[in-house]
Amino acid sequence: MVIYSSVDKIKVGDIVELQPTNQRNRQLRSQEKKHLWEVLQICPVICFAGEIGYDIKHVGSDHSRWVRRNEIEVDTYKENL
């Protein structure tokens, strides 16, 4: 695992809450009740112009998606599971 900054404490295995920062995130939260996600991968991605992206998977389903840091907040750290 690679840590990109000391400020960013999110790590692979952490459970994060998807924030309602855009229409798709609001839809996932309200219609599909998909609030909690597990971080699978953290790396630079082409779809975000080489910026760091977070590959997250919904807890309880196989749905996964890439998001930016401002779209998620830590709910439970891996060490606390």
N, C-alpha and C. Protein backbone atom coordinates (compact mmCIF):
# COMPACT_ATOMS: atom_id res chain seq x y z
N MET A 1 0.84 -1.18 0.00
CA MET A 1 0.00 0.00 0.00
C MET A 1 0.88 1.24 0.00
N VAL A 2 0.44 2.26 -0.71
CA VAL A 2 1.19 3.50 -0.81
C VAL A 2 0.42 4.60 -0.10
N ILE A 3 1.10 5.35 0.75
CA ILE A 3 0.49 6.50 1.40
C ILE A 3 1.00 7.74 0.68
N TYR A 4 0.09 8.57 0.19
CA TYR A 4 0.48 9.71 -0.62
C TYR A 4 0.71 10.98 0.18
N SER A 5 0.13 11.10 1.35
CA SER A 5 0.40 12.26 2.19
C SER A 5 0.09 11.91 3.64
N SER A 6 0.67 12.64 4.55
CA SER A 6 0.41 12.37 5.96
C SER A 6 -0.95 12.91 6.38
N VAL A 7 -1.53 13.82 5.60
CA VAL A 7 -2.82 14.40 5.92
C VAL A 7 -3.94 13.41 5.62
N ASP A 8 -3.80 12.65 4.54
CA ASP A 8 -4.83 11.72 4.11
C ASP A 8 -4.70 10.42 4.88
N LYS A 9 -5.62 10.16 5.78
CA LYS A 9 -5.53 8.99 6.66
C LYS A 9 -6.33 7.80 6.13
N ILE A 10 -6.98 7.91 5.00
CA ILE A 10 -7.76 6.80 4.46
C ILE A 10 -6.81 5.75 3.90
N LYS A 11 -7.08 4.48 4.27
CA LYS A 11 -6.24 3.37 3.82
C LYS A 11 -7.12 2.28 3.23
N VAL A 12 -6.49 1.39 2.48
CA VAL A 12 -7.20 0.23 1.93
C VAL A 12 -7.78 -0.57 3.10
N GLY A 13 -9.05 -0.94 2.98
CA GLY A 13 -9.73 -1.70 4.03
C GLY A 13 -10.61 -0.85 4.92
N ASP A 14 -10.42 0.47 4.92
CA ASP A 14 -11.26 1.36 5.72
C ASP A 14 -12.68 1.38 5.17
N ILE A 15 -13.65 1.61 6.04
CA ILE A 15 -15.04 1.78 5.64
C ILE A 15 -15.30 3.29 5.58
N VAL A 16 -15.81 3.75 4.43
CA VAL A 16 -16.04 5.17 4.23
C VAL A 16 -17.52 5.41 3.92
N GLU A 17 -17.96 6.63 4.18
CA GLU A 17 -19.32 7.03 3.85
C GLU A 17 -19.28 7.89 2.60
N LEU A 18 -20.09 7.53 1.62
CA LEU A 18 -20.19 8.30 0.38
C LEU A 18 -20.93 9.60 0.67
N GLN A 19 -20.34 10.72 0.31
CA GLN A 19 -20.93 12.03 0.56
C GLN A 19 -21.80 12.46 -0.62
N PRO A 20 -22.85 13.25 -0.38
CA PRO A 20 -23.75 13.69 -1.46
C PRO A 20 -23.19 14.88 -2.24
N THR A 21 -22.02 14.70 -2.84
CA THR A 21 -21.34 15.80 -3.52
C THR A 21 -21.79 16.01 -4.96
N ASN A 22 -22.45 15.02 -5.55
CA ASN A 22 -22.95 15.18 -6.92
C ASN A 22 -24.24 14.38 -7.07
N GLN A 23 -24.88 14.51 -8.23
CA GLN A 23 -26.18 13.88 -8.44
C GLN A 23 -26.13 12.36 -8.30
N ARG A 24 -25.12 11.73 -8.86
CA ARG A 24 -25.02 10.26 -8.79
C ARG A 24 -24.83 9.80 -7.34
N ASN A 25 -24.01 10.48 -6.58
CA ASN A 25 -23.82 10.11 -5.18
C ASN A 25 -25.11 10.28 -4.38
N ARG A 26 -25.84 11.37 -4.64
CA ARG A 26 -27.12 11.58 -3.96
C ARG A 26 -28.10 10.47 -4.31
N GLN A 27 -28.10 10.05 -5.59
CA GLN A 27 -28.99 8.98 -6.03
C GLN A 27 -28.62 7.66 -5.35
N LEU A 28 -27.34 7.34 -5.28
CA LEU A 28 -26.91 6.11 -4.62
C LEU A 28 -27.32 6.10 -3.15
N ARG A 29 -27.20 7.24 -2.50
CA ARG A 29 -27.53 7.33 -1.08
C ARG A 29 -29.04 7.26 -0.84
N SER A 30 -29.83 8.00 -1.61
CA SER A 30 -31.26 8.09 -1.33
C SER A 30 -32.07 6.94 -1.92
N GLN A 31 -31.85 6.61 -3.18
CA GLN A 31 -32.66 5.58 -3.82
C GLN A 31 -32.17 4.17 -3.53
N GLU A 32 -30.85 3.98 -3.51
CA GLU A 32 -30.30 2.64 -3.36
C GLU A 32 -29.77 2.37 -1.95
N LYS A 33 -29.83 3.38 -1.08
CA LYS A 33 -29.40 3.24 0.32
C LYS A 33 -27.96 2.75 0.44
N LYS A 34 -27.10 3.23 -0.44
CA LYS A 34 -25.69 2.82 -0.44
C LYS A 34 -24.86 3.93 0.20
N HIS A 35 -24.73 3.86 1.51
CA HIS A 35 -23.99 4.86 2.27
C HIS A 35 -22.56 4.41 2.58
N LEU A 36 -22.40 3.16 3.02
CA LEU A 36 -21.09 2.68 3.48
C LEU A 36 -20.39 1.84 2.41
N TRP A 37 -19.11 2.16 2.21
CA TRP A 37 -18.30 1.52 1.18
C TRP A 37 -16.94 1.15 1.77
N GLU A 38 -16.32 0.11 1.22
CA GLU A 38 -14.98 -0.31 1.63
C GLU A 38 -13.97 0.16 0.59
N VAL A 39 -12.85 0.70 1.04
CA VAL A 39 -11.79 1.15 0.13
C VAL A 39 -11.01 -0.08 -0.34
N LEU A 40 -10.96 -0.27 -1.67
CA LEU A 40 -10.24 -1.41 -2.25
C LEU A 40 -8.86 -1.03 -2.75
N GLN A 41 -8.72 0.20 -3.23
CA GLN A 41 -7.47 0.60 -3.89
C GLN A 41 -7.35 2.12 -3.87
N ILE A 42 -6.12 2.60 -3.75
CA ILE A 42 -5.84 4.04 -3.79
C ILE A 42 -4.69 4.25 -4.75
N CYS A 43 -4.92 4.99 -5.83
CA CYS A 43 -3.85 5.22 -6.80
C CYS A 43 -4.24 6.32 -7.78
N PRO A 44 -3.26 6.86 -8.51
CA PRO A 44 -3.58 7.84 -9.55
C PRO A 44 -4.37 7.15 -10.67
N VAL A 45 -5.40 7.83 -11.17
CA VAL A 45 -6.22 7.24 -12.23
C VAL A 45 -6.39 8.22 -13.39
N ILE A 46 -6.49 7.68 -14.58
CA ILE A 46 -6.62 8.49 -15.79
C ILE A 46 -7.91 9.30 -15.78
N CYS A 47 -9.00 8.72 -15.28
CA CYS A 47 -10.29 9.42 -15.32
C CYS A 47 -10.30 10.69 -14.47
N PHE A 48 -9.35 10.82 -13.55
CA PHE A 48 -9.23 12.03 -12.75
C PHE A 48 -7.97 12.81 -13.12
N ALA A 49 -7.55 12.70 -14.38
CA ALA A 49 -6.39 13.42 -14.92
C ALA A 49 -5.11 13.11 -14.13
N GLY A 50 -4.97 11.87 -13.72
CA GLY A 50 -3.76 11.46 -13.01
C GLY A 50 -3.76 11.75 -11.52
N GLU A 51 -4.84 12.34 -11.02
CA GLU A 51 -4.94 12.61 -9.58
C GLU A 51 -5.29 11.31 -8.84
N ILE A 52 -5.12 11.33 -7.54
CA ILE A 52 -5.40 10.16 -6.72
C ILE A 52 -6.90 9.86 -6.72
N GLY A 53 -7.23 8.59 -6.93
CA GLY A 53 -8.61 8.13 -6.89
C GLY A 53 -8.74 6.99 -5.90
N TYR A 54 -9.95 6.77 -5.44
CA TYR A 54 -10.24 5.72 -4.47
C TYR A 54 -11.24 4.76 -5.10
N ASP A 55 -10.84 3.50 -5.23
CA ASP A 55 -11.73 2.46 -5.72
C ASP A 55 -12.47 1.94 -4.51
N ILE A 56 -13.79 2.14 -4.49
CA ILE A 56 -14.59 1.74 -3.34
C ILE A 56 -15.65 0.73 -3.77
N LYS A 57 -16.02 -0.17 -2.84
CA LYS A 57 -17.04 -1.19 -3.09
C LYS A 57 -18.09 -1.10 -2.00
N HIS A 58 -19.35 -1.09 -2.42
CA HIS A 58 -20.43 -1.00 -1.45
C HIS A 58 -20.43 -2.20 -0.52
N VAL A 59 -20.59 -1.92 0.77
CA VAL A 59 -20.68 -2.98 1.77
C VAL A 59 -22.05 -3.65 1.59
N GLY A 60 -22.05 -4.93 1.25
CA GLY A 60 -23.30 -5.66 1.07
C GLY A 60 -23.66 -5.93 -0.37
N SER A 61 -22.86 -5.46 -1.32
CA SER A 61 -23.10 -5.76 -2.73
C SER A 61 -21.77 -5.77 -3.48
N ASP A 62 -21.82 -6.03 -4.77
CA ASP A 62 -20.61 -6.05 -5.59
C ASP A 62 -20.40 -4.74 -6.35
N HIS A 63 -21.22 -3.74 -6.07
CA HIS A 63 -21.13 -2.45 -6.77
C HIS A 63 -19.85 -1.72 -6.34
N SER A 64 -19.04 -1.36 -7.33
CA SER A 64 -17.83 -0.59 -7.03
C SER A 64 -17.74 0.61 -7.96
N ARG A 65 -16.98 1.61 -7.54
CA ARG A 65 -16.82 2.83 -8.33
C ARG A 65 -15.57 3.57 -7.87
N TRP A 66 -15.06 4.43 -8.74
CA TRP A 66 -13.92 5.29 -8.41
C TRP A 66 -14.46 6.64 -7.96
N VAL A 67 -13.89 7.18 -6.90
CA VAL A 67 -14.28 8.50 -6.40
C VAL A 67 -13.05 9.30 -6.03
N ARG A 68 -13.25 10.59 -5.88
CA ARG A 68 -12.18 11.47 -5.40
C ARG A 68 -12.28 11.59 -3.89
N ARG A 69 -11.24 12.14 -3.30
CA ARG A 69 -11.15 12.25 -1.84
C ARG A 69 -12.31 13.06 -1.25
N ASN A 70 -12.74 14.11 -1.94
CA ASN A 70 -13.79 14.97 -1.39
C ASN A 70 -15.17 14.30 -1.42
N GLU A 71 -15.29 13.11 -2.01
CA GLU A 71 -16.57 12.42 -2.09
C GLU A 71 -16.77 11.40 -0.97
N ILE A 72 -15.76 11.20 -0.13
CA ILE A 72 -15.86 10.20 0.93
C ILE A 72 -15.34 10.74 2.26
N GLU A 73 -15.87 10.19 3.34
CA GLU A 73 -15.39 10.48 4.69
C GLU A 73 -15.26 9.16 5.44
N VAL A 74 -14.25 9.05 6.27
CA VAL A 74 -14.01 7.81 7.01
C VAL A 74 -15.15 7.56 7.99
N ASP A 75 -15.68 6.34 7.98
CA ASP A 75 -16.67 5.92 8.97
C ASP A 75 -16.00 5.05 10.02
N THR A 76 -15.23 4.04 9.57
CA THR A 76 -14.54 3.12 10.47
C THR A 76 -13.16 2.81 9.91
N TYR A 77 -12.14 2.99 10.72
CA TYR A 77 -10.79 2.64 10.29
C TYR A 77 -10.61 1.13 10.33
N LYS A 78 -9.82 0.61 9.41
CA LYS A 78 -9.55 -0.83 9.30
C LYS A 78 -9.09 -1.42 10.63
N GLU A 79 -8.27 -0.68 11.36
CA GLU A 79 -7.73 -1.16 12.63
C GLU A 79 -8.82 -1.36 13.67
N ASN A 80 -9.97 -0.69 13.51
CA ASN A 80 -11.05 -0.78 14.48
C ASN A 80 -12.09 -1.84 14.13
N LEU A 81 -11.91 -2.53 13.02
CA LEU A 81 -12.88 -3.55 12.60
C LEU A 81 -12.67 -4.84 13.35
